Amino acid sequence: MPITKGSQALVAEADARITTDSVTEIQARLAAGDVRLQLVDALTTKALQDMGMTNVAHIDGGFTDWVHQGAPVATLEQRKAKKAG
């Protein structure tokens, strides 16, 4: 069966249906407890929202902008240590 829709079309459709927030907006939502999972991929964000998740967000500029703007980043090991502590 031939592919009838390419990845660019899927991303465009996802972008039209999801909200993309800036790093600053996501940080405010995190502080307010409004969002728990932030994603850089529009398709993943759309899929999770289609599955019923409401606390996911697409970050404008992705992880690169998140880091460049000094937003918090934790490794898996740091998260485990925090839970254990």
C-alpha atoms as a PDB file:
ATOM      1  CA  MET A   1       0.000   0.000   0.000  1.00  0.00           C
ATOM      2  CA  PRO A   2       1.537   3.335  -0.991  1.00  0.00           C
ATOM      3  CA  ILE A   3       2.047   6.157   1.485  1.00  0.00           C
ATOM      4  CA  THR A   4      -0.584   8.788   0.777  1.00  0.00           C
ATOM      5  CA  LYS A   5       0.424  11.382   3.357  1.00  0.00           C
ATOM      6  CA  GLY A   6       3.972  12.396   4.195  1.00  0.00           C
ATOM      7  CA  SER A   7       5.451  13.360   7.528  1.00  0.00           C
ATOM      8  CA  GLN A   8       5.382  17.076   6.701  1.00  0.00           C
ATOM      9  CA  ALA A   9       1.625  16.902   6.118  1.00  0.00           C
ATOM     10  CA  LEU A  10       1.130  15.063   9.405  1.00  0.00           C
ATOM     11  CA  VAL A  11       3.173  17.657  11.293  1.00  0.00           C
ATOM     12  CA  ALA A  12       1.234  20.490   9.632  1.00  0.00           C
ATOM     13  CA  GLU A  13      -2.060  18.882  10.672  1.00  0.00           C
ATOM     14  CA  ALA A  14      -0.789  18.407  14.232  1.00  0.00           C
ATOM     15  CA  ASP A  15       0.428  22.009  14.422  1.00  0.00           C
ATOM     16  CA  ALA A  16      -3.028  23.201  13.351  1.00  0.00           C
ATOM     17  CA  ARG A  17      -4.710  21.248  16.183  1.00  0.00           C
ATOM     18  CA  ILE A  18      -2.383  21.770  19.144  1.00  0.00           C
ATOM     19  CA  THR A  19      -1.264  24.795  21.087  1.00  0.00           C
ATOM     20  CA  THR A  20       2.409  25.654  21.011  1.00  0.00           C
ATOM     21  CA  ASP A  21       3.666  27.530  24.063  1.00  0.00           C
ATOM     22  CA  SER A  22       6.865  29.488  24.545  1.00  0.00           C
ATOM     23  CA  VAL A  23       9.460  28.376  27.070  1.00  0.00           C
ATOM     24  CA  THR A  24       8.313  31.194  29.382  1.00  0.00           C
ATOM     25  CA  GLU A  25       4.679  30.102  29.110  1.00  0.00           C
ATOM     26  CA  ILE A  26       5.573  26.476  29.846  1.00  0.00           C
ATOM     27  CA  GLN A  27       7.644  27.488  32.884  1.00  0.00           C
ATOM     28  CA  ALA A  28       4.654  29.451  34.221  1.00  0.00           C
ATOM     29  CA  ARG A  29       2.350  26.474  33.600  1.00  0.00           C
ATOM     30  CA  LEU A  30       4.802  24.155  35.375  1.00  0.00           C
ATOM     31  CA  ALA A  31       4.989  26.497  38.371  1.00  0.00           C
ATOM     32  CA  ALA A  32       1.180  26.601  38.514  1.00  0.00           C
ATOM     33  CA  GLY A  33       0.949  22.813  38.249  1.00  0.00           C
ATOM     34  CA  ASP A  34      -1.041  23.157  35.025  1.00  0.00           C
ATOM     35  CA  VAL A  35       1.258  21.046  32.868  1.00  0.00           C
ATOM     36  CA  ARG A  36       3.269  18.030  33.822  1.00  0.00           C
ATOM     37  CA  LEU A  37       4.634  16.725  30.577  1.00  0.00           C
ATOM     38  CA  GLN A  38       6.224  19.006  28.032  1.00  0.00           C
ATOM     39  CA  LEU A  39       7.145  17.751  24.605  1.00  0.00           C
ATOM     40  CA  VAL A  40       9.061  19.053  21.651  1.00  0.00           C
ATOM     41  CA  ASP A  41       7.336  16.930  19.026  1.00  0.00           C
ATOM     42  CA  ALA A  42       3.998  18.153  17.646  1.00  0.00           C
ATOM     43  CA  LEU A  43       2.950  14.687  16.503  1.00  0.00           C
ATOM     44  CA  THR A  44       3.542  13.166  19.932  1.00  0.00           C
ATOM     45  CA  THR A  45       1.702  16.035  21.611  1.00  0.00           C
ATOM     46  CA  LYS A  46      -1.283  15.556  19.292  1.00  0.00           C
ATOM     47  CA  ALA A  47      -1.308  11.783  19.789  1.00  0.00           C
ATOM     48  CA  LEU A  48      -1.285  12.124  23.586  1.00  0.00           C
ATOM     49  CA  GLN A  49      -4.050  14.747  23.460  1.00  0.00           C
ATOM     50  CA  ASP A  50      -6.071  12.440  21.174  1.00  0.00           C
ATOM     51  CA  MET A  51      -5.633   9.737  23.832  1.00  0.00           C
ATOM     52  CA  GLY A  52      -7.185  12.039  26.442  1.00  0.00           C
ATOM     53  CA  MET A  53      -4.173  13.636  28.110  1.00  0.00           C
ATOM     54  CA  THR A  54      -4.743  17.312  28.787  1.00  0.00           C
ATOM     55  CA  ASN A  55      -1.550  18.272  30.612  1.00  0.00           C
ATOM     56  CA  VAL A  56       0.865  18.011  27.697  1.00  0.00           C
ATOM     57  CA  ALA A  57       2.359  20.894  25.752  1.00  0.00           C
ATOM     58  CA  HIS A  58       4.402  21.516  22.649  1.00  0.00           C
ATOM     59  CA  ILE A  59       7.327  23.849  23.307  1.00  0.00           C
ATOM     60  CA  ASP A  60       8.096  26.467  20.699  1.00  0.00           C
ATOM     61  CA  GLY A  61      11.762  26.094  19.811  1.00  0.00           C
ATOM     62  CA  GLY A  62      11.908  22.647  21.373  1.00  0.00           C
ATOM     63  CA  PHE A  63      14.383  21.364  23.892  1.00  0.00           C
ATOM     64  CA  THR A  64      17.160  23.472  22.404  1.00  0.00           C
ATOM     65  CA  ASP A  65      15.359  26.722  23.251  1.00  0.00           C
ATOM     66  CA  TRP A  66      14.385  25.299  26.649  1.00  0.00           C
ATOM     67  CA  VAL A  67      18.058  24.789  27.525  1.00  0.00           C
ATOM     68  CA  HIS A  68      19.247  28.050  25.912  1.00  0.00           C
ATOM     69  CA  GLN A  69      16.756  30.025  27.992  1.00  0.00           C
ATOM     70  CA  GLY A  70      18.002  28.444  31.219  1.00  0.00           C
ATOM     71  CA  ALA A  71      14.908  26.379  31.962  1.00  0.00           C
ATOM     72  CA  PRO A  72      15.416  23.516  34.415  1.00  0.00           C
ATOM     73  CA  VAL A  73      16.720  20.192  33.151  1.00  0.00           C
ATOM     74  CA  ALA A  74      17.184  17.069  35.249  1.00  0.00           C
ATOM     75  CA  THR A  75      18.709  13.748  34.333  1.00  0.00           C
ATOM     76  CA  LEU A  76      16.941  10.501  35.147  1.00  0.00           C
ATOM     77  CA  GLU A  77      19.503   9.869  37.859  1.00  0.00           C
ATOM     78  CA  GLN A  78      18.806  13.270  39.431  1.00  0.00           C
ATOM     79  CA  ARG A  79      15.065  12.591  39.413  1.00  0.00           C
ATOM     80  CA  LYS A  80      15.556   9.168  41.029  1.00  0.00           C
ATOM     81  CA  ALA A  81      17.827  10.662  43.698  1.00  0.00           C
ATOM     82  CA  LYS A  82      15.259  13.365  44.453  1.00  0.00           C
ATOM     83  CA  LYS A  83      12.517  10.745  44.857  1.00  0.00           C
ATOM     84  CA  ALA A  84      14.712   8.596  47.098  1.00  0.00           C
ATOM     85  CA  GLY A  85      15.895  11.559  49.163  1.00  0.00           C
END
